[in-house]
Protein backbone atom coordinates (compact mmCIF):
# COMPACT_ATOMS: atom_id res chain seq x y z
CA UNK A 1 13.57 39.69 -13.50
CA UNK A 2 13.00 36.12 -14.63
CA UNK A 3 9.93 33.92 -14.54
CA UNK A 4 9.69 30.17 -13.96
CA UNK A 5 6.86 27.75 -13.30
CA UNK A 6 6.62 26.16 -9.85
CA UNK A 7 7.77 22.63 -10.78
CA UNK A 8 11.03 24.15 -12.03
CA UNK A 9 11.91 25.89 -8.73
CA UNK A 10 14.15 23.13 -7.44
CA UNK A 11 16.06 23.06 -10.71
CA UNK A 12 16.27 26.86 -10.67
CA UNK A 13 18.19 26.73 -7.40
CA UNK A 14 20.81 24.63 -9.14
CA UNK A 15 21.06 26.13 -12.65
CA UNK A 16 20.03 29.72 -11.97
CA UNK A 17 17.11 31.81 -13.21
CA UNK A 18 15.62 31.41 -16.64
CA UNK A 19 15.54 34.47 -18.93
CA UNK A 20 12.39 36.62 -18.68
CA UNK A 21 11.37 40.30 -18.53
CA UNK A 22 10.01 42.84 -16.07
CA UNK A 23 6.50 43.11 -17.51
CA UNK A 24 3.85 43.02 -14.74
CA UNK A 25 1.69 41.36 -13.71
CA UNK A 26 2.50 38.78 -16.44
CA UNK A 27 5.73 38.56 -18.40
CA UNK A 28 5.52 38.24 -22.18
CA UNK A 29 6.74 34.63 -22.06
CA UNK A 30 3.94 33.49 -19.75
CA UNK A 31 1.37 35.57 -21.62
CA UNK A 32 2.22 33.76 -24.86
CA UNK A 33 2.05 30.38 -23.09
CA UNK A 34 -1.24 31.22 -21.40
CA UNK A 35 -0.02 30.24 -17.95
CA UNK A 36 0.18 31.85 -14.53
CA UNK A 37 3.24 34.07 -14.12
CA UNK A 38 5.12 33.25 -10.93
CA UNK A 39 8.21 35.25 -10.07
CA UNK A 40 11.16 33.29 -8.68
CA UNK A 41 12.23 33.42 -5.08
CA UNK A 42 15.40 35.28 -4.21
CA UNK A 43 16.56 32.46 -1.96
CA UNK A 44 19.71 30.59 -2.97
CA UNK A 45 21.65 27.73 -1.40
CA UNK A 46 25.24 28.60 -0.55
CA UNK A 47 27.88 26.08 -1.50
CA UNK A 48 30.08 25.34 1.48
CA UNK A 49 31.74 22.49 3.32
CA UNK A 50 31.61 21.62 7.00
CA UNK A 51 35.39 22.05 7.25
CA UNK A 52 35.11 25.71 6.26
CA UNK A 53 32.58 26.54 8.98
CA UNK A 54 33.57 27.44 12.57
CA UNK A 55 32.41 24.28 14.33
CA UNK A 56 34.37 23.14 17.41
CA UNK A 57 36.19 19.82 17.28
CA UNK A 58 33.90 18.46 19.98
CA UNK A 59 30.80 19.16 17.86
CA UNK A 60 28.36 16.23 17.99
CA UNK A 61 26.92 15.21 14.61
CA UNK A 62 23.75 13.18 14.20
CA UNK A 63 23.34 10.33 11.75
CA UNK A 64 20.92 11.22 8.98
CA UNK A 65 18.30 8.88 7.51
CA UNK A 66 18.35 8.06 3.81
CA UNK A 67 15.69 10.67 3.10
CA UNK A 68 15.56 14.17 4.64
CA UNK A 69 12.82 16.73 3.96
CA UNK A 70 13.60 20.43 4.58
CA UNK A 71 10.46 22.42 5.33
CA UNK A 72 10.19 26.19 5.74
CA UNK A 73 6.62 27.32 6.46
CA UNK A 74 7.36 30.89 7.50
CA UNK A 75 5.12 33.58 5.97
CA UNK A 76 8.11 35.28 4.37
CA UNK A 77 9.08 32.27 2.32
CA UNK A 78 5.45 31.52 1.51
CA UNK A 79 5.05 35.01 0.11
CA UNK A 80 8.21 34.59 -1.95
CA UNK A 81 6.76 31.47 -3.54
CA UNK A 82 3.29 32.93 -3.94
CA UNK A 83 4.39 36.07 -5.82
CA UNK A 84 2.51 39.36 -5.91
CA UNK A 85 -0.32 38.24 -8.19
CA UNK A 86 -1.01 35.02 -6.31
CA UNK A 87 -0.94 36.81 -2.93
CA UNK A 88 -3.79 39.02 -4.06
CA UNK A 89 -5.89 36.06 -5.19
CA UNK A 90 -5.10 33.94 -2.13
CA UNK A 91 -7.72 35.65 0.00
CA UNK A 92 -10.50 34.35 -2.24
CA UNK A 93 -8.96 31.04 -3.35
CA UNK A 94 -10.03 27.87 -1.56
CA UNK A 95 -9.58 24.16 -2.24
CA UNK A 96 -12.59 21.96 -2.89
CA UNK A 97 -12.47 20.32 0.53
CA UNK A 98 -14.92 19.98 3.42
CA UNK A 99 -16.05 23.26 5.10
CA UNK A 100 -14.10 22.71 8.31
CA UNK A 101 -10.86 22.54 6.28
CA UNK A 102 -11.61 25.30 3.77
CA UNK A 103 -10.57 28.11 6.10
CA UNK A 104 -6.89 27.14 5.81
CA UNK A 105 -4.67 29.57 3.93
CA UNK A 106 -3.02 28.33 0.74
CA UNK A 107 0.49 26.97 1.18
CA UNK A 108 3.29 26.76 -1.41
CA UNK A 109 2.27 23.17 -2.13
CA UNK A 110 -1.28 24.33 -2.87
CA UNK A 111 0.13 26.95 -5.21
CA UNK A 112 1.77 24.06 -7.03
CA UNK A 113 -1.62 22.40 -7.15
CA UNK A 114 -3.09 25.56 -8.71
CA UNK A 115 -0.27 25.53 -11.23
CA UNK A 116 -1.20 21.99 -12.22
CA UNK A 117 -4.83 23.02 -12.66
CA UNK A 118 -3.89 26.10 -14.67
CA UNK A 119 -1.69 24.03 -16.96
CA UNK A 120 -4.45 21.48 -17.46
CA UNK A 121 -6.97 24.25 -18.19
CA UNK A 122 -4.63 25.76 -20.77
CA UNK A 123 -4.05 22.44 -22.51
CA UNK A 124 -7.58 21.02 -22.11
CA UNK A 125 -10.17 23.81 -22.00
CA UNK A 126 -13.58 22.81 -20.60
CA UNK A 127 -15.99 21.46 -23.17
CA UNK A 128 -19.76 21.71 -23.17
CA UNK A 129 -21.15 18.49 -21.69
CA UNK A 130 -22.84 16.17 -24.16
CA UNK A 131 -25.65 15.27 -21.74
CA UNK A 132 -27.98 18.08 -20.62
CA UNK A 133 -28.02 18.69 -16.88
CA UNK A 134 -24.44 17.50 -16.23
CA UNK A 135 -22.33 20.36 -14.87
CA UNK A 136 -18.75 20.89 -15.98
CA UNK A 137 -17.61 21.50 -12.41
CA UNK A 138 -17.95 18.50 -10.10
CA UNK A 139 -17.03 17.75 -6.47
CA UNK A 140 -14.70 14.95 -7.55
CA UNK A 141 -11.08 15.45 -6.40
CA UNK A 142 -10.00 15.33 -10.04
CA UNK A 143 -8.30 18.53 -11.18
CA UNK A 144 -6.15 17.24 -14.02
CA UNK A 145 -6.07 14.47 -16.56
CA UNK A 146 -3.32 12.89 -14.45
CA UNK A 147 -5.61 12.83 -11.40
CA UNK A 148 -8.29 11.12 -13.47
CA UNK A 149 -5.77 8.51 -14.56
CA UNK A 150 -4.77 7.90 -10.93
CA UNK A 151 -8.39 7.46 -9.82
CA UNK A 152 -9.02 5.02 -12.67
CA UNK A 153 -5.85 3.08 -11.88
CA UNK A 154 -6.90 2.80 -8.24
CA UNK A 155 -10.33 1.43 -9.18
CA UNK A 156 -9.13 -0.91 -11.93
CA UNK A 157 -5.86 -2.19 -10.43
CA UNK A 158 -5.00 -1.14 -6.88
CA UNK A 159 -8.38 -1.78 -5.23
CA UNK A 160 -8.03 -5.50 -6.03
CA UNK A 161 -5.42 -5.75 -3.26
CA UNK A 162 -8.07 -4.66 -0.73
CA UNK A 163 -11.30 -6.12 -2.14
CA UNK A 164 -10.31 -9.72 -2.84
CA UNK A 165 -12.52 -11.05 -0.02
CA UNK A 166 -15.27 -8.48 -0.57
CA UNK A 167 -17.89 -9.26 -3.24
CA UNK A 168 -19.22 -5.69 -2.86
CA UNK A 169 -15.78 -4.17 -3.68
CA UNK A 170 -15.94 -1.32 -1.17
CA UNK A 171 -12.46 0.01 -1.93
CA UNK A 172 -13.12 0.10 -5.67
CA UNK A 173 -16.65 1.51 -5.55
CA UNK A 174 -17.28 3.17 -2.16
CA UNK A 175 -13.89 4.69 -1.34
CA UNK A 176 -13.73 6.87 -4.49
CA UNK A 177 -17.26 8.12 -3.77
CA UNK A 178 -16.29 8.99 -0.19
CA UNK A 179 -13.17 10.71 -1.53
CA UNK A 180 -15.43 13.19 -3.35
CA UNK A 181 -16.12 14.89 -0.03
CA UNK A 182 -13.06 13.93 2.00
CA UNK A 183 -9.78 15.38 0.76
CA UNK A 184 -7.71 13.26 3.17
CA UNK A 185 -9.05 10.06 1.64
CA UNK A 186 -8.72 11.54 -1.85
CA UNK A 187 -5.03 12.33 -1.36
CA UNK A 188 -4.45 8.82 0.04
CA UNK A 189 -6.03 7.27 -3.06
CA UNK A 190 -3.99 9.48 -5.39
CA UNK A 191 -0.77 8.80 -3.46
CA UNK A 192 -1.08 5.01 -3.50
CA UNK A 193 -2.17 4.90 -7.12
CA UNK A 194 0.78 7.08 -8.15
CA UNK A 195 3.24 5.00 -6.12
CA UNK A 196 1.94 1.75 -7.61
CA UNK A 197 2.30 3.21 -11.11
CA UNK A 198 5.85 4.36 -10.35
CA UNK A 199 6.71 0.83 -9.16
CA UNK A 200 5.21 -0.94 -12.17
CA UNK A 201 5.46 1.59 -15.01
CA UNK A 202 7.53 4.58 -16.06
CA UNK A 203 5.69 7.09 -13.86
CA UNK A 204 7.15 10.04 -11.96
CA UNK A 205 7.58 8.97 -8.28
CA UNK A 206 7.45 12.60 -7.12
CA UNK A 207 3.73 12.67 -7.88
CA UNK A 208 3.14 10.09 -5.15
CA UNK A 209 5.37 12.04 -2.75
CA UNK A 210 3.31 15.19 -3.31
CA UNK A 211 -0.07 13.53 -2.68
CA UNK A 212 1.34 11.59 0.28
CA UNK A 213 2.56 14.80 1.92
CA UNK A 214 -0.81 16.48 1.35
CA UNK A 215 -2.60 13.51 2.89
CA UNK A 216 -0.38 13.42 5.97
CA UNK A 217 -0.81 17.16 6.51
CA UNK A 218 -4.52 16.54 7.01
CA UNK A 219 -4.46 13.03 8.47
CA UNK A 220 -2.10 13.60 11.40
CA UNK A 221 -4.11 16.45 13.01
CA UNK A 222 -7.37 14.60 12.36
CA UNK A 223 -6.17 11.50 14.21
CA UNK A 224 -5.71 13.59 17.35
CA UNK A 225 -9.47 14.10 17.46
CA UNK A 226 -11.53 11.57 19.42
CA UNK A 227 -14.07 11.59 16.60
CA UNK A 228 -11.50 9.88 14.39
CA UNK A 229 -12.43 6.59 16.07
CA UNK A 230 -15.77 6.53 14.26
CA UNK A 231 -14.56 8.10 11.01
CA UNK A 232 -14.65 5.49 8.28
CA UNK A 233 -12.74 7.69 5.82
CA UNK A 234 -9.79 8.17 8.17
CA UNK A 235 -9.53 4.42 8.79
CA UNK A 236 -9.69 3.73 5.05
CA UNK A 237 -7.08 6.43 4.37
CA UNK A 238 -4.74 4.97 7.00
CA UNK A 239 -5.12 1.47 5.58
CA UNK A 240 -4.38 2.79 2.09
CA UNK A 241 -1.28 4.62 3.31
CA UNK A 242 -0.15 1.44 5.06
CA UNK A 243 -0.20 -0.40 1.72
CA UNK A 244 1.85 2.45 0.25
CA UNK A 245 4.27 2.08 3.15
CA UNK A 246 4.63 -1.64 2.39
CA UNK A 247 5.51 -1.15 -1.28
CA UNK A 248 7.81 1.76 -0.36
CA UNK A 249 10.30 -0.59 1.32
CA UNK A 250 12.72 -0.62 -1.66
CA UNK A 251 12.76 3.20 -1.52
CA UNK A 252 13.03 3.74 2.24
CA UNK A 253 15.26 0.70 2.87
CA UNK A 254 13.10 -0.70 5.68
CA UNK A 255 9.49 -0.93 6.78
CA UNK A 256 8.90 1.78 9.38
CA UNK A 257 5.40 0.45 10.19
CA UNK A 258 4.21 3.97 11.01
CA UNK A 259 0.80 3.62 9.39
CA UNK A 260 0.44 0.04 10.63
CA UNK A 261 0.62 1.36 14.20
CA UNK A 262 -1.90 4.08 13.36
CA UNK A 263 -4.31 1.59 11.82
CA UNK A 264 -4.02 -0.74 14.81
CA UNK A 265 -4.75 2.13 17.20
CA UNK A 266 -7.92 3.12 15.32
CA UNK A 267 -9.18 -0.46 15.01
CA UNK A 268 -8.56 -1.22 18.68
CA UNK A 269 -10.29 2.01 19.71
CA UNK A 270 -13.26 1.11 17.54
CA UNK A 271 -13.36 -2.31 19.16
CA UNK A 272 -13.52 -0.68 22.58
CA UNK A 273 -16.40 1.53 21.43
CA UNK A 274 -18.27 -1.26 19.65
CA UNK A 275 -21.18 -0.95 22.09
CA UNK A 276 -21.61 2.68 21.07
CA UNK A 277 -21.37 1.78 17.37
CA UNK A 278 -24.10 -0.82 17.10
CA UNK A 279 -24.05 -1.08 13.31
CA UNK A 280 -20.55 -0.47 11.95
CA UNK A 281 -20.59 0.51 8.30
CA UNK A 282 -19.67 -1.93 5.57
CA UNK A 283 -16.73 0.29 4.57
CA UNK A 284 -15.40 0.22 8.12
CA UNK A 285 -15.63 -3.56 8.25
CA UNK A 286 -13.89 -3.85 4.89
CA UNK A 287 -11.11 -1.53 6.08
CA UNK A 288 -10.73 -3.52 9.32
CA UNK A 289 -10.28 -6.72 7.36
CA UNK A 290 -7.65 -5.02 5.23
CA UNK A 291 -5.89 -3.86 8.40
CA UNK A 292 -6.05 -7.40 9.79
CA UNK A 293 -4.39 -8.83 6.68
CA UNK A 294 -1.71 -6.13 6.77
CA UNK A 295 -0.93 -7.03 10.37
CA UNK A 296 -0.81 -10.71 9.42
CA UNK A 297 1.69 -10.03 6.65
CA UNK A 298 4.00 -8.02 8.89
CA UNK A 299 3.78 -10.58 11.71
CA UNK A 300 4.73 -13.35 9.28
CA UNK A 301 7.57 -11.28 7.86
CA UNK A 302 8.96 -10.39 11.29
CA UNK A 303 8.18 -13.79 12.91
CA UNK A 304 6.14 -12.24 15.70
CA UNK A 305 2.56 -12.49 17.03
CA UNK A 306 -0.17 -10.34 15.52
CA UNK A 307 -1.48 -7.24 17.26
CA UNK A 308 -5.05 -7.35 15.89
CA UNK A 309 -5.87 -11.01 16.39
CA UNK A 310 -9.59 -11.65 16.90
CA UNK A 311 -10.70 -8.02 16.67
CA UNK A 312 -13.31 -8.95 14.07
CA UNK A 313 -16.92 -9.44 15.17
CA UNK A 314 -18.40 -12.97 14.99
CA UNK A 315 -19.78 -14.17 11.65
CA UNK A 316 -23.55 -14.23 11.25
CA UNK A 317 -25.36 -15.65 8.21
CA UNK A 318 -22.12 -16.21 6.34
CA UNK A 319 -21.97 -15.34 2.65
CA UNK A 320 -19.11 -16.19 0.28
CA UNK A 321 -17.09 -13.17 1.37
CA UNK A 322 -17.45 -14.25 5.00
CA UNK A 323 -16.15 -17.72 4.13
CA UNK A 324 -13.05 -16.18 2.58
CA UNK A 325 -12.59 -13.89 5.57
CA UNK A 326 -12.97 -16.85 7.92
CA UNK A 327 -10.03 -18.50 6.14
CA UNK A 328 -8.02 -15.31 6.76
CA UNK A 329 -9.03 -15.32 10.42
CA UNK A 330 -8.03 -18.97 10.87
CA UNK A 331 -4.71 -18.19 9.20
CA UNK A 332 -4.20 -15.49 11.84
CA UNK A 333 -4.88 -18.09 14.54
CA UNK A 334 -2.27 -20.40 13.01
CA UNK A 335 0.23 -17.56 12.92
CA UNK A 336 -0.43 -16.74 16.58
CA UNK A 337 0.19 -20.39 17.40
CA UNK A 338 3.47 -20.36 15.47
CA UNK A 339 4.98 -17.26 17.10
CA UNK A 340 3.48 -17.20 20.58
CA UNK A 341 4.25 -19.42 23.54
CA UNK A 342 1.09 -21.30 24.50
CA UNK A 343 0.26 -23.84 27.21
CA UNK A 344 -0.95 -27.22 26.00
CA UNK A 345 0.69 -26.58 22.67
CA UNK A 346 -0.13 -29.99 21.18
CA UNK A 347 -3.84 -29.62 22.04
CA UNK A 348 -3.90 -26.16 20.43
CA UNK A 349 -2.18 -27.56 17.34
CA UNK A 350 -4.70 -30.38 16.96
CA UNK A 351 -7.61 -27.93 17.30
CA UNK A 352 -6.20 -25.55 14.68
CA UNK A 353 -5.53 -28.45 12.33
CA UNK A 354 -9.13 -29.63 12.63
CA UNK A 355 -10.74 -26.20 12.11
CA UNK A 356 -8.68 -25.63 8.96
CA UNK A 357 -9.72 -29.04 7.65
CA UNK A 358 -13.32 -28.19 8.56
CA UNK A 359 -13.08 -25.05 6.41
CA UNK A 360 -12.06 -27.12 3.36
CA UNK A 361 -14.79 -29.65 4.04
CA UNK A 362 -17.66 -27.27 4.89
CA UNK A 363 -17.05 -24.37 2.49
CA UNK A 364 -19.78 -23.73 -0.11
CA UNK A 365 -19.60 -25.77 -3.34
CA UNK A 366 -19.02 -22.51 -5.23
CA UNK A 367 -15.47 -22.56 -3.83
CA UNK A 368 -14.68 -25.67 -5.85
CA UNK A 369 -12.20 -25.06 -8.70
CA UNK A 370 -13.80 -24.82 -12.13
CA UNK A 371 -10.77 -26.65 -13.56
CA UNK A 372 -7.70 -28.33 -12.11
CA UNK A 373 -4.93 -30.35 -13.65
CA UNK A 374 -1.74 -31.81 -12.27
CA UNK A 375 1.06 -32.48 -14.75
CA UNK A 376 4.53 -33.90 -14.36
CA UNK A 377 5.72 -31.66 -17.19
CA UNK A 378 4.94 -28.47 -15.26
CA UNK A 379 6.38 -27.22 -11.99
CA UNK A 380 2.97 -26.14 -10.69
CA UNK A 381 -0.61 -27.36 -11.17
CA UNK A 382 -3.35 -25.46 -12.99
CA UNK A 383 -6.20 -24.62 -10.59
CA UNK A 384 -8.80 -22.13 -11.81
CA UNK A 385 -11.48 -20.53 -9.63
CA UNK A 386 -14.49 -18.42 -10.47
CA UNK A 387 -14.09 -15.38 -8.18
CA UNK A 388 -11.41 -13.51 -6.23
CA UNK A 389 -12.79 -14.57 -2.84
CA UNK A 390 -12.68 -18.21 -3.91
CA UNK A 391 -9.03 -17.82 -4.88
CA UNK A 392 -8.00 -15.98 -1.73
CA UNK A 393 -10.02 -18.18 0.62
CA UNK A 394 -8.02 -21.16 -0.58
CA UNK A 395 -4.75 -19.22 -0.53
CA UNK A 396 -5.12 -18.25 3.13
CA UNK A 397 -6.33 -21.74 4.05
CA UNK A 398 -3.21 -23.22 2.45
CA UNK A 399 -1.02 -20.59 4.14
CA UNK A 400 -2.49 -21.59 7.52
CA UNK A 401 -1.85 -25.24 6.67
CA UNK A 402 1.74 -24.40 5.74
CA UNK A 403 2.30 -22.69 9.08
CA UNK A 404 0.95 -25.70 10.94
CA UNK A 405 3.17 -28.05 8.94
CA UNK A 406 6.30 -26.00 9.61
CA UNK A 407 5.56 -25.48 13.32
CA UNK A 408 4.20 -28.96 14.06
CA UNK A 409 4.95 -29.68 17.76
CA UNK A 410 4.22 -33.40 17.35
CA UNK A 411 7.41 -34.03 15.37
CA UNK A 412 9.86 -35.92 17.61
CA UNK A 413 13.01 -34.02 18.53
CA UNK A 414 15.20 -37.16 18.43
CA UNK A 415 15.10 -40.87 17.91
CA UNK A 416 14.66 -43.05 14.83
CA UNK A 417 11.32 -41.49 13.85
CA UNK A 418 12.62 -37.90 13.93
CA UNK A 419 14.19 -37.94 10.46
CA UNK A 420 11.20 -39.70 8.92
CA UNK A 421 8.72 -37.21 10.45
CA UNK A 422 10.79 -34.23 9.30
CA UNK A 423 10.97 -35.65 5.80
CA UNK A 424 7.18 -36.03 5.67
CA UNK A 425 6.73 -32.47 6.88
CA UNK A 426 9.24 -31.22 4.33
CA UNK A 427 7.41 -32.92 1.45
CA UNK A 428 4.04 -31.65 2.70
CA UNK A 429 5.39 -28.09 2.89
CA UNK A 430 6.78 -28.29 -0.66
CA UNK A 431 3.49 -29.70 -1.96
CA UNK A 432 1.58 -26.84 -0.32
CA UNK A 433 3.90 -24.21 -1.84
CA UNK A 434 3.47 -25.79 -5.28
CA UNK A 435 -0.32 -25.68 -4.97
CA UNK A 436 -0.27 -22.04 -3.82
CA UNK A 437 2.05 -21.09 -6.69
CA UNK A 438 -0.23 -22.91 -9.12
CA UNK A 439 -3.33 -21.09 -7.86
CA UNK A 440 -1.60 -17.72 -8.10
CA UNK A 441 -0.36 -18.31 -11.65
CA UNK A 442 -3.68 -19.81 -12.80
CA UNK A 443 -5.76 -16.82 -11.66
CA UNK A 444 -4.02 -13.65 -12.88
CA UNK A 445 -7.17 -11.56 -12.36
CA UNK A 446 -6.58 -12.04 -8.59
CA UNK A 447 -3.24 -10.23 -8.18
CA UNK A 448 -3.23 -10.54 -4.39
CA UNK A 449 -2.74 -14.29 -4.83
CA UNK A 450 0.77 -13.60 -6.11
CA UNK A 451 1.54 -11.69 -2.93
CA UNK A 452 0.44 -14.60 -0.70
CA UNK A 453 2.31 -17.07 -2.91
CA UNK A 454 5.43 -14.93 -2.53
CA UNK A 455 4.99 -15.10 1.26
CA UNK A 456 4.89 -18.90 1.10
CA UNK A 457 7.94 -19.04 -1.18
CA UNK A 458 9.86 -16.73 1.14
CA UNK A 459 8.97 -18.99 4.06
CA UNK A 460 9.72 -22.41 2.52
CA UNK A 461 11.53 -21.84 -0.76
CA UNK A 462 14.83 -23.01 0.70
CA UNK A 463 13.40 -26.54 0.93
CA UNK A 464 13.46 -26.93 -2.88
CA UNK A 465 16.63 -28.36 -4.38
CA UNK A 466 15.67 -29.08 -7.99
CA UNK A 467 17.05 -26.33 -10.28
CA UNK A 468 13.89 -26.24 -12.43
CA UNK A 469 11.67 -25.70 -9.39
CA UNK A 470 14.03 -23.14 -7.92
CA UNK A 471 13.97 -21.21 -11.19
CA UNK A 472 10.16 -21.33 -11.36
CA UNK A 473 9.79 -20.13 -7.76
CA UNK A 474 12.33 -17.36 -8.30
CA UNK A 475 10.39 -16.23 -11.38
CA UNK A 476 7.26 -15.79 -9.23
CA UNK A 477 9.15 -13.51 -6.86
CA UNK A 478 10.47 -11.46 -9.77
CA UNK A 479 7.04 -11.19 -11.39
CA UNK A 480 5.46 -10.20 -8.10
CA UNK A 481 7.79 -7.20 -7.85
CA UNK A 482 7.84 -6.21 -11.51
CA UNK A 483 4.14 -6.65 -12.30
CA UNK A 484 2.53 -5.88 -8.96
CA UNK A 485 5.06 -3.55 -7.34
CA UNK A 486 5.29 -5.76 -4.24
CA UNK A 487 8.82 -5.79 -2.76
CA UNK A 488 10.42 -9.25 -2.92
CA UNK A 489 14.08 -8.26 -3.22
CA UNK A 490 14.96 -9.42 0.30
CA UNK A 491 13.34 -12.82 -0.29
CA UNK A 492 15.17 -13.12 -3.61
CA UNK A 493 18.54 -12.42 -2.01
CA UNK A 494 17.94 -14.87 0.83
CA UNK A 495 16.90 -17.65 -1.53
CA UNK A 496 19.86 -17.01 -3.81
CA UNK A 497 22.09 -17.40 -0.78
CA UNK A 498 20.31 -20.59 0.30
CA UNK A 499 20.41 -22.06 -3.21
CA UNK A 500 23.91 -21.07 -4.25
CA UNK A 501 25.26 -24.55 -3.48
CA UNK A 502 22.59 -25.98 -5.80
CA UNK A 503 22.59 -23.45 -8.64
CA UNK A 504 26.07 -22.03 -8.29
CA UNK A 505 24.57 -18.55 -7.78
CA UNK A 506 26.49 -15.84 -6.01
CA UNK A 507 24.57 -14.26 -3.18
CA UNK A 508 23.82 -10.59 -3.66
C-alpha cells in the first residue's frame, strides 16, 4: 500500500503510486513528516482511443470547450479520497462557516483544504500571542500563510480597482471584515486575489481555480433564494467574481459574462425592492457602482447599450466620491447615446455635451491637478492629482467626452465642410487620448486609470500615425496587462494590424 498527499493525486494517476508501507493508521513516511496519512484511491484512467471502442459510424459527437471539468460526487469516490482515518473524523469536522452552512458533509475538496491546514500547522506551529487577551484561533477565513498573503494582496492591490471612487474604501476595509463570517465572500476574495497574482507574478493559477470552485458551490444555491436580493455579501461576491471573469479572458478565450448577468439580476431586483430597503447599506451602494462600471466596460467593448443605466439613486449632498461617481454616470449616458438609436439625436447630443462641460466647470476645487505640464519632448503630459477619486473622475469625464467626439451627429456627411469637420474631430479625439494616457501614467497609485486609458487607446488608437506615439500607446497596453493583469491582447493585435502600414509590423 502506498501513501500520497492530496495535491499529488492527479500526478499519481499519471505516474503511479509512490512507495509506502502498510502501517495503519499512519505509514512510517507520513509519521516522520508529521502529516496526515491519506491512502490513495484505487481508481485509474484507462488509456484508449475512440477508434478502439464500439461506437457506430453514425455516432454524434459534441464539440468540447477549451476547458472541461470532470466531477464525481458519489459517496463511493468520496470515501476513496477520504480514507479510513479521515472518514472517522468527518462526523465531527466542520468548516468555520455560518451555522446554516456548517451542516454540510466534507467533500474531497474540503479534505484538500484540511491537508493545507495540516501542512501549515506542521510547518508553522501556533505561537503564544504577544498581547494578552488575543486568542490564537480567530474567525478570519485565513487557514494558511498563503491565505493571509491573498487577503493582504486583495486589500493592498486588488481593492483599488473597486474603491477608486470611494473615499471610505469599502472593498478594502469592509469586505474583508464581512468575509470573516461569510465563506462565500471569503472564497471570492481569495479567488480574485490568487488570479490577479497569477496574472502579474509567478503564482500557481490552480489556487485561484480551487477558491473559485468553492465560492461557486455556495454562491449558486444562495442566489436561488429570494433573500439574496438584500444580501450585501452576495452582491459583493458576484461583483468580485465578475472582475475575475474579466481578467480570465486570456485563459478562457472569450468573456462569457456569466457573473455580469448575475450581478445585473441582483442589482435590478434590488432596484425593484428599493421601497422596502429604505436605507441601502454603504457596501451595497459601493458594490452597485462597481457593477455599473463593469457593465459600462463590457458595453463599450461590445459596442452595445448598457443594461444597468440609471439604476443608481439620485445624489444628495454630494461629497467628493459622489462627484467622481457622477462623472461615471454621465459617461454611461454618453455610451447609451453612442450605441442606442434615439429620437432628436442632435438635441440629446447637445445636452450631453453641456452636462459634461458643467461637470468640469462645477466640480470642487479639490479636483484641480496639483501639477500639470505639457511638453513637446514627451508623448503625453504630466498631470498629477491628489486622490484616486480625483483621478478617476477626470478619466471618466474625458472618456465621455471622447465618446461624444467620436459619435458627433453634427458632423456633415458630405459637402466641402465634411472633411474639415472630421479632421477637427480626429484631432480632438487624439488630444483626449493623450491627456488620458498622461493622467494614467502620472498617477501610478491609481491603477484603474491605466484600465480606462487602455479602453480609450483601444477605441481611438488607430487614429495615431506617428511611430513614436504609436510606440508609446502600445507600451501602455503592454504595461496594463503585465503590471495590472488586465487583458489587452486583443487591442494590441488590432492596433498592430491597423498600424502595420505605418510601422511595418506584421499582424498577429
